[in-house]
Amino acid sequence: MNNKELIVLVGPTAVGKTSEAIRLANFLKTDIISADSRQFYHELNIGVARPTTEELSLAKHHFIGHKSIQDSYNVGSYEKDALQKIEELFKKYDKLVLTGGSGMYVDVVCNGIDTLPDVNNDIREELNRIFKEKGITPLQEELKEKDPEYYSIVDTSNHIRLIRALEIIRQSGKTFSSLRTNTKQERPFKIKKFALQRDRKELIDRINLRVDIMINEGLIEEAREVYPFKGLSALNTVGYKELFNYFDGKISLEQAIEDIKTNTRRYAKRQMTWFRKDKEIIWIDASKEINWEGVLHENI
């Protein structure tokens, strides 16, 4: 395993990871491990920009649509599954490509998961009571005050992640971000990280265009199909929750589409904040044609 290498390719949503990961995998003649938590669920397709049937035929992908939205699946489960698959594939390949925009899921493969303190049930119940009675705003405000570093990168519309962080903060008296970065597990293979980036205006234009294309391809109908399960954590994600608000009569369709674009741009900003903190990442301009042979020769 010491001679094996995991090539990591990350970047914000809509930057072009899917096509470049396929090009890279084809150059290396290897498989792709997905670390995009939004693409794990087979019920979600258009709204999570899952690779098309044609793209999936161009390179073997793993962890795309392998779970149901009703399955209990988290970052710890993914770490175990991904490492097992990587070990299996390294028996066949010398190099593998890991790609995705979910920073936490990329990190857990590369660095392992932090051992966090057990949480008193009273703390968990209190935070869930606050969310049920007062909504998500008090959770956001508390996290922003107690751990601004983690607040700047977490999906602040995901109450489950907010509650998890606040549980740890209240239990330990320490910031969640400080506990998350204390341990790094060594892997028996080499890791090289690359990230794609584009000019801010270009990325925004790509995001807005992608949302318009999703709507034209049937995102509204896809969201209606999963609407009965809107309470599931897997559906607390951009592209679906905004349309659920439309279905509930809270906003217009035009507003829902605009909210998807706005929240996707915010998500991309959080992704960039997360990846920029990783000093091992080598940044690549995705607006120009990438010569992967040259990039790998220069950096590996």
Protein backbone atom coordinates (compact mmCIF):
# COMPACT_ATOMS: atom_id res chain seq x y z
CA MET A 1 0.00 0.00 0.00
CA ASN A 2 2.96 2.36 0.49
CA ASN A 3 3.35 2.58 -3.28
CA LYS A 4 -0.33 3.32 -3.85
CA GLU A 5 -1.61 6.87 -4.31
CA LEU A 6 -4.98 8.55 -3.82
CA ILE A 7 -5.39 11.59 -6.06
CA VAL A 8 -7.95 13.95 -4.49
CA LEU A 9 -9.84 16.44 -6.66
CA VAL A 10 -12.09 18.94 -4.88
CA GLY A 11 -13.61 22.35 -5.46
CA PRO A 12 -16.87 24.28 -5.13
CA THR A 13 -20.11 23.20 -6.74
CA ALA A 14 -20.42 23.88 -10.49
CA VAL A 15 -16.66 24.39 -10.92
CA GLY A 16 -16.37 21.35 -13.21
CA LYS A 17 -15.23 18.52 -10.93
CA THR A 18 -17.22 15.75 -12.63
CA SER A 19 -15.78 16.19 -16.11
CA GLU A 20 -12.23 16.75 -14.87
CA ALA A 21 -12.37 13.77 -12.51
CA ILE A 22 -13.38 11.61 -15.48
CA ARG A 23 -10.55 13.01 -17.60
CA LEU A 24 -8.10 12.39 -14.76
CA ALA A 25 -9.36 8.85 -14.13
CA ASN A 26 -9.16 8.04 -17.82
CA PHE A 27 -5.60 9.34 -17.98
CA LEU A 28 -4.66 7.20 -14.99
CA LYS A 29 -6.81 4.27 -16.23
CA THR A 30 -8.46 3.94 -12.83
CA ASP A 31 -11.74 4.31 -10.89
CA ILE A 32 -13.39 7.25 -9.15
CA ILE A 33 -14.41 7.30 -5.48
CA SER A 34 -17.17 9.86 -4.89
CA ALA A 35 -17.01 11.96 -1.72
CA ASP A 36 -20.10 14.00 -2.53
CA SER A 37 -22.57 13.29 0.27
CA ARG A 38 -25.46 14.75 -1.75
CA GLN A 39 -24.97 12.12 -4.46
CA PHE A 40 -25.10 9.07 -2.16
CA TYR A 41 -28.89 8.73 -2.44
CA HIS A 42 -30.47 7.00 -5.43
CA GLU A 43 -33.70 9.02 -5.15
CA LEU A 44 -31.77 12.27 -5.78
CA ASN A 45 -30.48 12.92 -9.27
CA ILE A 46 -31.11 16.28 -10.94
CA GLY A 47 -30.93 18.40 -7.79
CA VAL A 48 -27.56 17.01 -6.71
CA ALA A 49 -25.99 17.19 -10.18
CA ARG A 50 -25.34 13.47 -10.20
CA PRO A 51 -23.10 12.39 -13.13
CA THR A 52 -25.17 11.50 -16.18
CA THR A 53 -25.51 7.96 -17.48
CA GLU A 54 -23.03 8.85 -20.21
CA GLU A 55 -20.53 10.26 -17.71
CA LEU A 56 -20.86 7.20 -15.49
CA SER A 57 -20.10 5.02 -18.52
CA LEU A 58 -16.84 6.90 -19.17
CA ALA A 59 -15.28 5.97 -15.82
CA LYS A 60 -16.25 3.57 -13.05
CA HIS A 61 -17.73 5.52 -10.10
CA HIS A 62 -18.22 4.27 -6.55
CA PHE A 63 -20.63 5.68 -3.92
CA ILE A 64 -23.05 7.22 -6.40
CA GLY A 65 -26.69 6.46 -5.57
CA HIS A 66 -25.75 3.54 -3.34
CA LYS A 67 -28.04 4.53 -0.45
CA SER A 68 -31.68 5.49 0.08
CA ILE A 69 -32.72 8.79 1.65
CA GLN A 70 -34.38 6.67 4.32
CA ASP A 71 -31.10 4.95 5.26
CA SER A 72 -29.15 6.07 8.30
CA TYR A 73 -25.77 7.09 6.88
CA ASN A 74 -23.16 9.49 8.21
CA VAL A 75 -19.56 10.51 7.83
CA GLY A 76 -18.34 7.73 10.13
CA SER A 77 -20.15 5.10 8.06
CA TYR A 78 -18.71 6.59 4.89
CA GLU A 79 -15.17 6.51 6.28
CA LYS A 80 -15.43 2.79 6.95
CA ASP A 81 -17.02 2.02 3.56
CA ALA A 82 -14.66 4.23 1.56
CA LEU A 83 -11.48 2.88 3.15
CA GLN A 84 -12.66 -0.67 2.57
CA LYS A 85 -13.38 0.09 -1.10
CA ILE A 86 -10.05 1.88 -1.53
CA GLU A 87 -8.16 -1.08 -0.09
CA GLU A 88 -10.06 -3.39 -2.46
CA LEU A 89 -9.39 -1.23 -5.53
CA PHE A 90 -5.70 -0.76 -4.73
CA LYS A 91 -5.30 -4.48 -5.35
CA LYS A 92 -6.08 -3.67 -8.98
CA TYR A 93 -4.85 -0.08 -9.43
CA ASP A 94 -1.79 1.88 -8.30
CA LYS A 95 -3.70 5.17 -8.29
CA LEU A 96 -7.31 6.11 -7.52
CA VAL A 97 -9.25 9.37 -7.88
CA LEU A 98 -11.29 10.70 -4.94
CA THR A 99 -13.56 13.61 -5.85
CA GLY A 100 -16.39 15.64 -4.35
CA GLY A 101 -17.40 18.91 -2.82
CA SER A 102 -18.22 17.66 0.69
CA GLY A 103 -15.14 18.75 2.62
CA MET A 104 -15.95 16.74 5.73
CA TYR A 105 -16.26 13.53 3.70
CA VAL A 106 -13.01 14.18 1.84
CA ASP A 107 -11.24 14.92 5.11
CA VAL A 108 -12.43 11.75 6.81
CA VAL A 109 -10.87 9.61 4.06
CA CYS A 110 -7.60 11.52 4.17
CA ASN A 111 -7.28 12.22 7.89
CA GLY A 112 -9.76 10.06 9.79
CA ILE A 113 -12.55 11.19 12.07
CA ASP A 114 -11.97 12.94 15.37
CA THR A 115 -12.86 11.15 18.59
CA LEU A 116 -15.37 13.49 20.19
CA PRO A 117 -16.69 13.32 23.76
CA ASP A 118 -19.94 11.56 24.55
CA VAL A 119 -22.83 13.96 24.99
CA ASN A 120 -25.29 14.02 27.87
CA ASN A 121 -28.80 13.24 26.61
CA ASP A 122 -30.16 16.27 28.48
CA ILE A 123 -28.02 18.56 26.33
CA ARG A 124 -29.19 16.90 23.12
CA GLU A 125 -32.83 17.02 24.16
CA GLU A 126 -32.57 20.69 25.13
CA LEU A 127 -31.09 21.67 21.76
CA ASN A 128 -33.72 19.69 19.89
CA ARG A 129 -36.43 21.36 22.02
CA ILE A 130 -35.04 24.78 21.09
CA PHE A 131 -35.12 23.88 17.39
CA LYS A 132 -38.68 22.51 17.61
CA GLU A 133 -40.07 25.48 19.52
CA LYS A 134 -38.02 28.41 18.19
CA GLY A 135 -36.59 27.25 14.88
CA ILE A 136 -33.05 27.27 13.60
CA THR A 137 -32.15 30.92 14.30
CA PRO A 138 -31.21 30.47 18.02
CA LEU A 139 -28.94 27.56 17.06
CA GLN A 140 -27.23 29.67 14.40
CA GLU A 141 -26.75 32.57 16.81
CA GLU A 142 -25.30 30.38 19.56
CA LEU A 143 -22.84 28.68 17.23
CA LYS A 144 -21.77 31.99 15.70
CA GLU A 145 -21.06 33.34 19.18
CA LYS A 146 -19.32 30.27 20.61
CA ASP A 147 -17.46 28.96 17.57
CA PRO A 148 -17.25 31.52 14.72
CA GLU A 149 -14.59 29.45 12.95
CA TYR A 150 -16.86 26.44 12.49
CA TYR A 151 -19.84 28.72 11.83
CA SER A 152 -18.01 30.14 8.80
CA ILE A 153 -17.78 26.76 7.07
CA VAL A 154 -20.76 24.71 8.27
CA ASP A 155 -24.05 24.57 6.37
CA THR A 156 -25.93 26.93 8.68
CA SER A 157 -29.28 25.79 7.29
CA ASN A 158 -28.62 22.19 8.41
CA HIS A 159 -30.01 21.99 11.95
CA ILE A 160 -28.55 18.51 12.50
CA ARG A 161 -24.98 19.73 12.02
CA LEU A 162 -25.64 22.81 14.15
CA ILE A 163 -27.04 20.72 16.97
CA ARG A 164 -24.13 18.26 16.77
CA ALA A 165 -21.58 21.06 17.07
CA LEU A 166 -23.45 22.75 19.92
CA GLU A 167 -23.76 19.44 21.78
CA ILE A 168 -19.99 19.11 21.80
CA ILE A 169 -19.46 22.75 22.73
CA ARG A 170 -21.87 22.61 25.66
CA GLN A 171 -20.53 19.25 26.84
CA SER A 172 -16.81 20.03 26.60
CA GLY A 173 -16.68 23.77 27.07
CA LYS A 174 -14.39 23.89 24.02
CA THR A 175 -15.03 24.95 20.45
CA PHE A 176 -16.12 22.24 18.05
CA SER A 177 -13.53 23.43 15.49
CA SER A 178 -10.65 22.93 17.96
CA LEU A 179 -11.71 19.36 18.73
CA ARG A 180 -12.17 18.55 15.04
CA THR A 181 -8.56 19.32 14.14
CA ASN A 182 -6.61 17.64 16.92
CA THR A 183 -6.11 14.21 15.40
CA LYS A 184 -4.88 12.98 12.06
CA GLN A 185 -4.74 9.31 11.31
CA GLU A 186 -1.99 8.10 9.04
CA ARG A 187 -3.12 6.22 5.95
CA PRO A 188 -1.14 3.34 4.41
CA PHE A 189 -1.19 5.07 1.01
CA LYS A 190 0.05 8.38 -0.38
CA ILE A 191 -2.36 11.27 -0.84
CA LYS A 192 -2.07 14.20 -3.25
CA LYS A 193 -4.72 16.93 -3.26
CA PHE A 194 -5.81 19.24 -6.06
CA ALA A 195 -8.66 21.76 -6.16
CA LEU A 196 -10.36 23.46 -9.08
CA GLN A 197 -11.12 27.16 -9.00
CA ARG A 198 -12.60 29.77 -11.30
CA ASP A 199 -13.06 33.52 -11.34
CA ARG A 200 -15.84 34.45 -8.92
CA LYS A 201 -18.13 35.93 -11.59
CA GLU A 202 -17.58 32.95 -13.86
CA LEU A 203 -18.46 30.53 -11.05
CA ILE A 204 -21.61 32.51 -10.17
CA ASP A 205 -22.69 32.45 -13.82
CA ARG A 206 -22.13 28.69 -13.96
CA ILE A 207 -24.14 28.18 -10.78
CA ASN A 208 -27.07 30.25 -12.06
CA LEU A 209 -27.03 28.47 -15.41
CA ARG A 210 -26.87 25.07 -13.73
CA VAL A 211 -29.96 25.84 -11.66
CA ASP A 212 -31.87 26.94 -14.77
CA ILE A 213 -30.86 23.71 -16.51
CA MET A 214 -31.94 21.66 -13.48
CA ILE A 215 -35.38 23.28 -13.54
CA ASN A 216 -35.73 22.58 -17.27
CA GLU A 217 -34.63 18.97 -16.79
CA GLY A 218 -37.34 18.28 -14.19
CA LEU A 219 -36.07 19.27 -10.74
CA ILE A 220 -39.55 20.41 -9.66
CA GLU A 221 -41.02 17.00 -10.49
CA GLU A 222 -38.11 15.22 -8.76
CA ALA A 223 -38.66 17.32 -5.63
CA ARG A 224 -42.37 16.48 -5.65
CA GLU A 225 -41.55 12.77 -5.65
CA VAL A 226 -39.51 13.05 -2.44
CA TYR A 227 -41.69 15.75 -0.83
CA PRO A 228 -43.49 13.20 1.40
CA PHE A 229 -40.11 12.54 3.05
CA LYS A 230 -39.10 16.18 3.45
CA GLY A 231 -38.37 15.70 7.16
CA LEU A 232 -35.46 13.38 6.46
CA SER A 233 -31.99 14.85 6.99
CA ALA A 234 -30.89 13.75 3.50
CA LEU A 235 -33.42 16.19 2.04
CA ASN A 236 -32.31 19.17 4.10
CA THR A 237 -30.22 20.28 1.16
CA VAL A 238 -30.11 23.06 -1.41
CA GLY A 239 -32.38 22.49 -4.39
CA TYR A 240 -35.03 20.57 -2.49
CA LYS A 241 -35.77 22.53 0.68
CA GLU A 242 -36.49 25.67 -1.35
CA LEU A 243 -38.99 23.81 -3.52
CA PHE A 244 -40.56 22.28 -0.43
CA ASN A 245 -41.25 25.84 0.74
CA TYR A 246 -42.94 26.47 -2.61
CA PHE A 247 -45.03 23.30 -2.29
CA ASP A 248 -46.04 24.42 1.22
CA GLY A 249 -47.29 27.71 -0.19
CA LYS A 250 -44.72 29.77 1.69
CA ILE A 251 -43.08 31.30 -1.39
CA SER A 252 -43.65 31.54 -5.14
CA LEU A 253 -41.95 29.27 -7.65
CA GLU A 254 -39.92 32.23 -8.92
CA GLN A 255 -38.73 32.94 -5.38
CA ALA A 256 -37.89 29.27 -4.82
CA ILE A 257 -35.70 29.21 -7.94
CA GLU A 258 -33.98 32.42 -6.90
CA ASP A 259 -33.43 31.00 -3.40
CA ILE A 260 -31.82 27.89 -4.90
CA LYS A 261 -29.38 30.09 -6.80
CA THR A 262 -28.62 32.23 -3.75
CA ASN A 263 -28.16 29.27 -1.41
CA THR A 264 -26.02 27.43 -3.95
CA ARG A 265 -23.73 30.46 -4.20
CA ARG A 266 -23.49 30.55 -0.41
CA TYR A 267 -22.74 26.84 -0.33
CA ALA A 268 -19.94 27.34 -2.88
CA LYS A 269 -18.48 30.10 -0.72
CA ARG A 270 -18.45 27.81 2.34
CA GLN A 271 -16.80 25.09 0.27
CA MET A 272 -14.04 27.46 -0.79
CA THR A 273 -13.52 28.55 2.82
CA TRP A 274 -13.19 24.92 3.88
CA PHE A 275 -10.76 23.91 1.15
CA ARG A 276 -8.58 27.00 1.49
CA LYS A 277 -7.81 26.00 5.06
CA ASP A 278 -6.08 22.86 3.75
CA LYS A 279 -2.50 23.89 2.95
CA GLU A 280 -1.82 20.54 1.22
CA ILE A 281 -4.13 21.44 -1.66
CA ILE A 282 -2.66 22.53 -5.00
CA TRP A 283 -5.03 24.91 -6.80
CA ILE A 284 -5.72 24.65 -10.53
CA ASP A 285 -7.46 27.13 -12.84
CA ALA A 286 -10.43 25.21 -14.25
CA SER A 287 -11.19 27.87 -16.86
CA LYS A 288 -8.21 26.65 -18.90
CA GLU A 289 -7.72 23.19 -20.38
CA ILE A 290 -5.90 21.09 -17.80
CA ASN A 291 -2.97 18.96 -18.90
CA TRP A 292 -3.19 16.27 -16.24
CA GLU A 293 -0.03 14.57 -17.40
CA GLY A 294 1.90 17.80 -16.84
CA VAL A 295 0.17 18.60 -13.54
CA LEU A 296 0.86 15.16 -12.09
CA HIS A 297 4.44 15.07 -13.37
CA GLU A 298 5.12 18.43 -11.77
CA ASN A 299 3.48 17.75 -8.42
CA ILE A 300 3.90 14.02 -7.79
